[in-house]
Amino acid sequence: MFNWLKRQRSSRGYGIHSPFAYDFVVNVLRERCLYYAYSNIENPEHQLIYRIALSLHPSCVICRNLPETVRRDISSLISNARHMPFYVFSHGEDFQMTTEGTYIALFTGIDKDRTLRELLKRLKEELDSYGMVFYNPRRAVIVADRNLPRQDFRINF
């Protein structure tokens, strides 16, 4: 119970001192407003993927189960200026990625898949002195950017 209350407080931005992390939590992960693309995207997980892509402008999005309508909306957000691929891992998928350089990784269903939890744990350990991890018992987001300090945030999203 106490952990949930602590996550709830952090989820609203309290106690988060990094400007990037505060903005990412409040305006991306916890955003509840409607976006224009939501008329094509009904699944909350796909809406989260869209918001992350809109915020961070990855170089590509790598996801096996992404519907064509979502792919089309996200393709306009791709930026060739940054080499930061966006990997989406969900329960029941095989996992292939390279962790060299910068990347974004979204994990959904980590409460149901032990292999996914182990991959998340390994990737968190590989982040030595840079990158941020936002997680809860069901989902996690890793932003492995060398311009960000190494921090973990346990929040509700």
N, C-alpha and C. Protein backbone atom coordinates (compact mmCIF):
# COMPACT_ATOMS: atom_id res chain seq x y z
N MET A 1 0.82 -1.19 0.00
CA MET A 1 0.00 0.00 0.00
C MET A 1 0.87 1.26 0.00
N PHE A 2 1.91 1.26 0.84
CA PHE A 2 2.77 2.43 0.91
C PHE A 2 3.50 2.66 -0.41
N ASN A 3 3.96 1.58 -1.07
CA ASN A 3 4.64 1.72 -2.35
C ASN A 3 3.73 2.34 -3.39
N TRP A 4 2.45 1.93 -3.39
CA TRP A 4 1.51 2.49 -4.35
C TRP A 4 1.32 3.98 -4.10
N LEU A 5 1.20 4.40 -2.84
CA LEU A 5 1.05 5.82 -2.52
C LEU A 5 2.29 6.62 -2.92
N LYS A 6 3.44 6.03 -2.71
CA LYS A 6 4.69 6.69 -3.09
C LYS A 6 4.78 6.85 -4.61
N ARG A 7 4.41 5.79 -5.36
CA ARG A 7 4.39 5.87 -6.82
C ARG A 7 3.37 6.90 -7.29
N GLN A 8 2.22 6.96 -6.63
CA GLN A 8 1.17 7.89 -7.01
C GLN A 8 1.66 9.34 -6.86
N ARG A 9 2.38 9.60 -5.80
CA ARG A 9 2.92 10.95 -5.57
C ARG A 9 3.94 11.30 -6.65
N SER A 10 4.86 10.39 -6.94
CA SER A 10 5.87 10.63 -7.99
C SER A 10 5.23 10.74 -9.36
N SER A 11 4.12 10.05 -9.57
CA SER A 11 3.46 10.06 -10.87
C SER A 11 2.88 11.42 -11.21
N ARG A 12 2.67 12.23 -10.22
CA ARG A 12 2.17 13.59 -10.45
C ARG A 12 3.32 14.61 -10.52
N GLY A 13 4.56 14.12 -10.45
CA GLY A 13 5.72 14.98 -10.59
C GLY A 13 6.36 15.40 -9.29
N TYR A 14 5.75 15.08 -8.14
CA TYR A 14 6.33 15.46 -6.86
C TYR A 14 7.63 14.70 -6.60
N GLY A 15 8.66 15.41 -6.25
CA GLY A 15 9.93 14.78 -5.92
C GLY A 15 10.80 14.48 -7.12
N ILE A 16 10.36 14.83 -8.32
CA ILE A 16 11.18 14.61 -9.52
C ILE A 16 11.87 15.93 -9.84
N HIS A 17 13.20 15.94 -9.76
CA HIS A 17 13.95 17.18 -9.92
C HIS A 17 14.50 17.38 -11.32
N SER A 18 14.64 16.33 -12.08
CA SER A 18 15.14 16.45 -13.43
C SER A 18 14.06 17.06 -14.33
N PRO A 19 14.36 18.13 -15.05
CA PRO A 19 13.36 18.74 -15.94
C PRO A 19 12.86 17.77 -17.02
N PHE A 20 13.78 16.97 -17.60
CA PHE A 20 13.36 16.00 -18.60
C PHE A 20 12.41 14.97 -18.00
N ALA A 21 12.79 14.41 -16.85
CA ALA A 21 11.97 13.37 -16.23
C ALA A 21 10.61 13.92 -15.82
N TYR A 22 10.56 15.11 -15.26
CA TYR A 22 9.28 15.71 -14.87
C TYR A 22 8.37 15.87 -16.08
N ASP A 23 8.91 16.45 -17.14
CA ASP A 23 8.12 16.65 -18.36
C ASP A 23 7.67 15.32 -18.95
N PHE A 24 8.56 14.34 -18.96
CA PHE A 24 8.23 13.03 -19.54
C PHE A 24 7.13 12.34 -18.74
N VAL A 25 7.19 12.41 -17.42
CA VAL A 25 6.18 11.77 -16.58
C VAL A 25 4.84 12.48 -16.71
N VAL A 26 4.85 13.79 -16.56
CA VAL A 26 3.59 14.54 -16.52
C VAL A 26 2.96 14.68 -17.90
N ASN A 27 3.75 14.95 -18.93
CA ASN A 27 3.20 15.26 -20.25
C ASN A 27 3.22 14.12 -21.25
N VAL A 28 3.87 13.01 -20.92
CA VAL A 28 3.90 11.88 -21.85
C VAL A 28 3.28 10.64 -21.21
N LEU A 29 3.88 10.16 -20.14
CA LEU A 29 3.41 8.91 -19.54
C LEU A 29 2.04 9.06 -18.88
N ARG A 30 1.80 10.16 -18.20
CA ARG A 30 0.54 10.35 -17.46
C ARG A 30 -0.46 11.25 -18.19
N GLU A 31 -0.18 11.63 -19.41
CA GLU A 31 -1.06 12.52 -20.16
C GLU A 31 -2.43 11.87 -20.38
N ARG A 32 -3.47 12.61 -20.09
CA ARG A 32 -4.84 12.08 -20.24
C ARG A 32 -5.66 12.86 -21.28
N CYS A 33 -5.07 13.89 -21.87
CA CYS A 33 -5.79 14.66 -22.88
C CYS A 33 -5.84 13.89 -24.19
N LEU A 34 -6.78 14.24 -25.02
CA LEU A 34 -6.93 13.59 -26.31
C LEU A 34 -5.98 14.21 -27.33
N TYR A 35 -5.41 13.38 -28.17
CA TYR A 35 -4.58 13.82 -29.27
C TYR A 35 -5.39 13.64 -30.55
N TYR A 36 -5.05 14.39 -31.58
CA TYR A 36 -5.78 14.29 -32.84
C TYR A 36 -5.68 12.90 -33.45
N ALA A 37 -4.59 12.20 -33.22
CA ALA A 37 -4.39 10.87 -33.81
C ALA A 37 -5.18 9.79 -33.08
N TYR A 38 -5.75 10.11 -31.91
CA TYR A 38 -6.48 9.10 -31.16
C TYR A 38 -7.73 8.63 -31.87
N SER A 39 -8.20 9.35 -32.88
CA SER A 39 -9.35 8.87 -33.64
C SER A 39 -9.00 7.58 -34.39
N ASN A 40 -7.71 7.39 -34.71
CA ASN A 40 -7.24 6.16 -35.37
C ASN A 40 -6.68 5.14 -34.38
N ILE A 41 -6.36 5.57 -33.15
CA ILE A 41 -5.69 4.72 -32.18
C ILE A 41 -6.60 4.54 -30.97
N GLU A 42 -7.14 3.36 -30.80
CA GLU A 42 -8.06 3.12 -29.68
C GLU A 42 -7.40 2.40 -28.51
N ASN A 43 -6.40 1.59 -28.76
CA ASN A 43 -5.73 0.82 -27.72
C ASN A 43 -4.86 1.75 -26.85
N PRO A 44 -5.03 1.73 -25.52
CA PRO A 44 -4.21 2.59 -24.65
C PRO A 44 -2.71 2.35 -24.77
N GLU A 45 -2.30 1.11 -25.02
CA GLU A 45 -0.87 0.82 -25.20
C GLU A 45 -0.35 1.50 -26.46
N HIS A 46 -1.13 1.47 -27.52
CA HIS A 46 -0.72 2.11 -28.78
C HIS A 46 -0.72 3.63 -28.63
N GLN A 47 -1.64 4.17 -27.82
CA GLN A 47 -1.64 5.60 -27.55
C GLN A 47 -0.38 6.00 -26.80
N LEU A 48 0.07 5.16 -25.87
CA LEU A 48 1.32 5.42 -25.15
C LEU A 48 2.50 5.41 -26.11
N ILE A 49 2.54 4.46 -27.02
CA ILE A 49 3.61 4.40 -28.02
C ILE A 49 3.61 5.69 -28.84
N TYR A 50 2.43 6.14 -29.24
CA TYR A 50 2.31 7.36 -30.03
C TYR A 50 2.84 8.57 -29.24
N ARG A 51 2.44 8.70 -27.97
CA ARG A 51 2.89 9.84 -27.17
C ARG A 51 4.40 9.85 -26.98
N ILE A 52 4.98 8.66 -26.75
CA ILE A 52 6.44 8.59 -26.59
C ILE A 52 7.14 8.99 -27.89
N ALA A 53 6.64 8.49 -29.02
CA ALA A 53 7.23 8.84 -30.32
C ALA A 53 7.08 10.33 -30.60
N LEU A 54 5.94 10.90 -30.24
CA LEU A 54 5.71 12.33 -30.44
C LEU A 54 6.66 13.17 -29.59
N SER A 55 6.96 12.71 -28.40
CA SER A 55 7.83 13.46 -27.51
C SER A 55 9.31 13.34 -27.86
N LEU A 56 9.76 12.14 -28.19
CA LEU A 56 11.20 11.89 -28.35
C LEU A 56 11.69 11.81 -29.79
N HIS A 57 10.81 11.77 -30.76
CA HIS A 57 11.15 11.72 -32.19
C HIS A 57 12.24 10.69 -32.49
N PRO A 58 11.92 9.39 -32.35
CA PRO A 58 12.94 8.36 -32.60
C PRO A 58 13.27 8.26 -34.09
N SER A 59 14.35 7.57 -34.39
CA SER A 59 14.75 7.37 -35.78
C SER A 59 13.92 6.28 -36.45
N CYS A 60 13.39 5.34 -35.66
CA CYS A 60 12.51 4.29 -36.17
C CYS A 60 11.77 3.66 -34.99
N VAL A 61 10.66 3.00 -35.29
CA VAL A 61 9.90 2.30 -34.27
C VAL A 61 9.89 0.83 -34.64
N ILE A 62 10.36 -0.03 -33.72
CA ILE A 62 10.45 -1.46 -33.98
C ILE A 62 9.47 -2.16 -33.05
N CYS A 63 8.37 -2.62 -33.65
CA CYS A 63 7.31 -3.29 -32.90
C CYS A 63 6.63 -4.28 -33.83
N ARG A 64 6.46 -5.50 -33.38
CA ARG A 64 5.87 -6.54 -34.23
C ARG A 64 4.36 -6.41 -34.38
N ASN A 65 3.66 -6.02 -33.34
CA ASN A 65 2.19 -6.06 -33.34
C ASN A 65 1.57 -4.68 -33.44
N LEU A 66 2.16 -3.77 -34.18
CA LEU A 66 1.63 -2.43 -34.32
C LEU A 66 0.72 -2.36 -35.55
N PRO A 67 -0.55 -1.98 -35.38
CA PRO A 67 -1.46 -1.89 -36.53
C PRO A 67 -0.99 -0.86 -37.55
N GLU A 68 -1.42 -1.02 -38.77
CA GLU A 68 -1.01 -0.15 -39.87
C GLU A 68 -1.43 1.31 -39.64
N THR A 69 -2.61 1.52 -39.06
CA THR A 69 -3.05 2.90 -38.81
C THR A 69 -2.12 3.61 -37.83
N VAL A 70 -1.67 2.88 -36.82
CA VAL A 70 -0.75 3.46 -35.84
C VAL A 70 0.61 3.71 -36.49
N ARG A 71 1.08 2.76 -37.30
CA ARG A 71 2.36 2.93 -38.00
C ARG A 71 2.33 4.18 -38.88
N ARG A 72 1.22 4.39 -39.57
CA ARG A 72 1.09 5.54 -40.46
C ARG A 72 1.17 6.85 -39.66
N ASP A 73 0.47 6.90 -38.53
CA ASP A 73 0.51 8.11 -37.72
C ASP A 73 1.88 8.36 -37.11
N ILE A 74 2.56 7.29 -36.73
CA ILE A 74 3.88 7.43 -36.11
C ILE A 74 4.96 7.76 -37.15
N SER A 75 4.78 7.31 -38.39
CA SER A 75 5.80 7.54 -39.41
C SER A 75 6.07 9.02 -39.63
N SER A 76 5.09 9.87 -39.40
CA SER A 76 5.32 11.32 -39.57
C SER A 76 6.15 11.89 -38.42
N LEU A 77 6.31 11.15 -37.33
CA LEU A 77 7.06 11.63 -36.17
C LEU A 77 8.52 11.21 -36.18
N ILE A 78 8.89 10.36 -37.13
CA ILE A 78 10.25 9.84 -37.21
C ILE A 78 11.22 10.96 -37.57
N SER A 79 12.35 11.00 -36.88
CA SER A 79 13.36 12.03 -37.12
C SER A 79 14.66 11.36 -37.55
N ASN A 80 15.17 11.79 -38.69
CA ASN A 80 16.46 11.25 -39.15
C ASN A 80 17.62 11.99 -38.50
N ALA A 81 17.34 13.07 -37.79
CA ALA A 81 18.39 13.84 -37.15
C ALA A 81 18.99 13.10 -35.96
N ARG A 82 18.20 12.25 -35.31
CA ARG A 82 18.67 11.52 -34.13
C ARG A 82 18.70 10.04 -34.44
N HIS A 83 19.78 9.38 -34.08
CA HIS A 83 19.83 7.93 -34.24
C HIS A 83 19.43 7.32 -32.90
N MET A 84 18.11 7.25 -32.67
CA MET A 84 17.58 6.73 -31.43
C MET A 84 16.41 5.81 -31.75
N PRO A 85 16.66 4.53 -31.98
CA PRO A 85 15.54 3.63 -32.29
C PRO A 85 14.63 3.43 -31.08
N PHE A 86 13.38 3.14 -31.35
CA PHE A 86 12.35 2.94 -30.33
C PHE A 86 11.88 1.50 -30.43
N TYR A 87 12.22 0.68 -29.43
CA TYR A 87 11.83 -0.72 -29.37
C TYR A 87 10.61 -0.88 -28.48
N VAL A 88 9.65 -1.67 -28.92
CA VAL A 88 8.46 -1.96 -28.12
C VAL A 88 8.41 -3.46 -27.90
N PHE A 89 8.48 -3.87 -26.63
CA PHE A 89 8.43 -5.27 -26.26
C PHE A 89 7.15 -5.53 -25.50
N SER A 90 6.42 -6.56 -25.90
CA SER A 90 5.21 -6.90 -25.15
C SER A 90 5.20 -8.40 -24.85
N HIS A 91 4.32 -8.77 -23.96
CA HIS A 91 4.19 -10.15 -23.49
C HIS A 91 4.03 -11.12 -24.66
N GLY A 92 4.83 -12.18 -24.67
CA GLY A 92 4.69 -13.23 -25.66
C GLY A 92 5.47 -13.02 -26.95
N GLU A 93 6.32 -11.99 -27.03
CA GLU A 93 7.11 -11.76 -28.23
C GLU A 93 8.55 -12.22 -28.02
N ASP A 94 9.24 -12.49 -29.13
CA ASP A 94 10.67 -12.76 -29.02
C ASP A 94 11.39 -11.41 -29.04
N PHE A 95 12.54 -11.36 -28.39
CA PHE A 95 13.19 -10.08 -28.14
C PHE A 95 14.52 -10.02 -28.88
N GLN A 96 14.66 -9.06 -29.77
CA GLN A 96 15.90 -8.85 -30.49
C GLN A 96 16.18 -7.35 -30.52
N MET A 97 17.34 -6.96 -30.00
CA MET A 97 17.72 -5.55 -30.07
C MET A 97 19.21 -5.41 -29.82
N THR A 98 19.74 -4.31 -30.27
CA THR A 98 21.12 -3.97 -29.96
C THR A 98 21.11 -2.80 -29.00
N THR A 99 21.95 -2.85 -27.99
CA THR A 99 21.92 -1.81 -26.96
C THR A 99 23.11 -0.86 -27.08
N GLU A 100 23.68 -0.77 -28.24
CA GLU A 100 24.80 0.16 -28.42
C GLU A 100 24.25 1.55 -28.70
N GLY A 101 24.82 2.54 -28.06
CA GLY A 101 24.38 3.91 -28.30
C GLY A 101 23.10 4.25 -27.56
N THR A 102 22.32 5.13 -28.15
CA THR A 102 21.10 5.59 -27.52
C THR A 102 19.89 4.84 -28.09
N TYR A 103 18.89 4.65 -27.26
CA TYR A 103 17.67 3.97 -27.68
C TYR A 103 16.54 4.27 -26.70
N ILE A 104 15.33 3.94 -27.10
CA ILE A 104 14.16 4.00 -26.25
C ILE A 104 13.57 2.60 -26.26
N ALA A 105 13.15 2.11 -25.11
CA ALA A 105 12.54 0.79 -25.04
C ALA A 105 11.30 0.86 -24.15
N LEU A 106 10.19 0.35 -24.66
CA LEU A 106 8.95 0.26 -23.89
C LEU A 106 8.65 -1.21 -23.66
N PHE A 107 8.41 -1.58 -22.42
CA PHE A 107 8.07 -2.95 -22.04
C PHE A 107 6.64 -2.95 -21.52
N THR A 108 5.79 -3.77 -22.09
CA THR A 108 4.42 -3.93 -21.58
C THR A 108 4.19 -5.39 -21.23
N GLY A 109 3.52 -5.63 -20.13
CA GLY A 109 3.25 -7.00 -19.70
C GLY A 109 4.38 -7.64 -18.94
N ILE A 110 5.21 -6.85 -18.26
CA ILE A 110 6.33 -7.44 -17.53
C ILE A 110 5.86 -8.22 -16.31
N ASP A 111 4.64 -7.99 -15.87
CA ASP A 111 4.11 -8.76 -14.75
C ASP A 111 3.72 -10.18 -15.16
N LYS A 112 3.58 -10.43 -16.45
CA LYS A 112 3.15 -11.73 -16.95
C LYS A 112 4.26 -12.55 -17.61
N ASP A 113 5.39 -11.93 -17.89
CA ASP A 113 6.42 -12.59 -18.68
C ASP A 113 7.78 -12.49 -17.98
N ARG A 114 8.27 -13.63 -17.50
CA ARG A 114 9.54 -13.67 -16.78
C ARG A 114 10.72 -13.30 -17.69
N THR A 115 10.69 -13.73 -18.95
CA THR A 115 11.76 -13.43 -19.88
C THR A 115 11.85 -11.92 -20.13
N LEU A 116 10.71 -11.29 -20.21
CA LEU A 116 10.66 -9.84 -20.41
C LEU A 116 11.22 -9.11 -19.19
N ARG A 117 10.90 -9.59 -17.99
CA ARG A 117 11.46 -9.00 -16.76
C ARG A 117 12.98 -9.14 -16.73
N GLU A 118 13.47 -10.29 -17.15
CA GLU A 118 14.92 -10.52 -17.16
C GLU A 118 15.61 -9.61 -18.16
N LEU A 119 14.99 -9.41 -19.33
CA LEU A 119 15.56 -8.50 -20.33
C LEU A 119 15.59 -7.08 -19.78
N LEU A 120 14.52 -6.65 -19.14
CA LEU A 120 14.47 -5.32 -18.53
C LEU A 120 15.57 -5.17 -17.48
N LYS A 121 15.73 -6.16 -16.65
CA LYS A 121 16.76 -6.12 -15.61
C LYS A 121 18.15 -6.03 -16.22
N ARG A 122 18.40 -6.79 -17.28
CA ARG A 122 19.71 -6.76 -17.95
C ARG A 122 19.98 -5.40 -18.56
N LEU A 123 18.96 -4.82 -19.22
CA LEU A 123 19.14 -3.51 -19.84
C LEU A 123 19.36 -2.42 -18.80
N LYS A 124 18.67 -2.52 -17.66
CA LYS A 124 18.88 -1.55 -16.59
C LYS A 124 20.30 -1.63 -16.05
N GLU A 125 20.84 -2.84 -15.94
CA GLU A 125 22.20 -3.02 -15.44
C GLU A 125 23.24 -2.51 -16.43
N GLU A 126 22.92 -2.58 -17.73
CA GLU A 126 23.87 -2.12 -18.75
C GLU A 126 23.97 -0.60 -18.81
N LEU A 127 22.98 0.10 -18.27
CA LEU A 127 23.04 1.57 -18.24
C LEU A 127 23.96 1.96 -17.09
N ASP A 128 25.18 2.30 -17.41
CA ASP A 128 26.16 2.61 -16.36
C ASP A 128 25.94 4.00 -15.76
N SER A 129 26.24 5.01 -16.54
CA SER A 129 26.24 6.36 -16.00
C SER A 129 25.26 7.29 -16.73
N TYR A 130 24.40 6.75 -17.56
CA TYR A 130 23.45 7.59 -18.28
C TYR A 130 22.14 6.85 -18.48
N GLY A 131 21.09 7.60 -18.76
CA GLY A 131 19.79 7.02 -19.08
C GLY A 131 18.83 7.00 -17.90
N MET A 132 17.53 7.03 -18.23
CA MET A 132 16.50 7.02 -17.21
C MET A 132 15.55 5.86 -17.45
N VAL A 133 15.07 5.29 -16.35
CA VAL A 133 14.13 4.17 -16.40
C VAL A 133 12.89 4.58 -15.62
N PHE A 134 11.72 4.47 -16.26
CA PHE A 134 10.44 4.75 -15.64
C PHE A 134 9.70 3.42 -15.60
N TYR A 135 9.27 2.97 -14.43
CA TYR A 135 8.70 1.63 -14.35
C TYR A 135 7.63 1.54 -13.28
N ASN A 136 6.81 0.50 -13.42
CA ASN A 136 5.83 0.08 -12.41
C ASN A 136 5.71 -1.44 -12.55
N PRO A 137 4.85 -2.09 -11.80
CA PRO A 137 4.79 -3.56 -11.90
C PRO A 137 4.36 -4.10 -13.26
N ARG A 138 3.72 -3.30 -14.12
CA ARG A 138 3.23 -3.80 -15.41
C ARG A 138 4.01 -3.31 -16.62
N ARG A 139 4.58 -2.11 -16.55
CA ARG A 139 5.24 -1.49 -17.70
C ARG A 139 6.54 -0.83 -17.30
N ALA A 140 7.38 -0.61 -18.30
CA ALA A 140 8.63 0.12 -18.08
C ALA A 140 9.03 0.83 -19.36
N VAL A 141 9.68 1.97 -19.21
CA VAL A 141 10.23 2.72 -20.33
C VAL A 141 11.68 3.04 -19.99
N ILE A 142 12.57 2.71 -20.92
CA ILE A 142 13.98 3.07 -20.78
C ILE A 142 14.29 4.12 -21.83
N VAL A 143 14.85 5.23 -21.39
CA VAL A 143 15.34 6.26 -22.31
C VAL A 143 16.85 6.29 -22.12
N ALA A 144 17.55 5.58 -22.99
CA ALA A 144 19.00 5.46 -22.90
C ALA A 144 19.63 6.54 -23.76
N ASP A 145 19.71 7.73 -23.20
CA ASP A 145 20.29 8.88 -23.89
C ASP A 145 21.51 9.32 -23.09
N ARG A 146 22.62 9.49 -23.77
CA ARG A 146 23.86 9.84 -23.08
C ARG A 146 23.83 11.24 -22.46
N ASN A 147 22.86 12.06 -22.84
CA ASN A 147 22.73 13.40 -22.27
C ASN A 147 21.94 13.42 -20.96
N LEU A 148 21.40 12.27 -20.56
CA LEU A 148 20.59 12.19 -19.35
C LEU A 148 21.38 11.51 -18.23
N PRO A 149 21.22 11.99 -17.00
CA PRO A 149 21.89 11.30 -15.87
C PRO A 149 21.21 9.97 -15.59
N ARG A 150 21.90 9.08 -14.94
CA ARG A 150 21.35 7.75 -14.62
C ARG A 150 20.40 7.87 -13.43
N GLN A 151 19.09 7.62 -13.67
CA GLN A 151 18.09 7.66 -12.63
C GLN A 151 16.99 6.66 -12.92
N ASP A 152 16.38 6.14 -11.86
CA ASP A 152 15.21 5.26 -11.96
C ASP A 152 14.04 5.93 -11.26
N PHE A 153 12.85 5.82 -11.87
CA PHE A 153 11.64 6.40 -11.31
C PHE A 153 10.56 5.33 -11.27
N ARG A 154 10.07 5.03 -10.10
CA ARG A 154 8.99 4.08 -9.95
C ARG A 154 7.68 4.87 -9.85
N ILE A 155 6.88 4.80 -10.93
CA ILE A 155 5.68 5.62 -11.02
C ILE A 155 4.51 4.81 -11.54
N ASN A 156 3.31 5.36 -11.43
CA ASN A 156 2.11 4.77 -12.02
C ASN A 156 1.85 5.40 -13.37
N PHE A 157 1.74 4.58 -14.40
CA PHE A 157 1.35 5.08 -15.71
C PHE A 157 0.71 3.98 -16.50
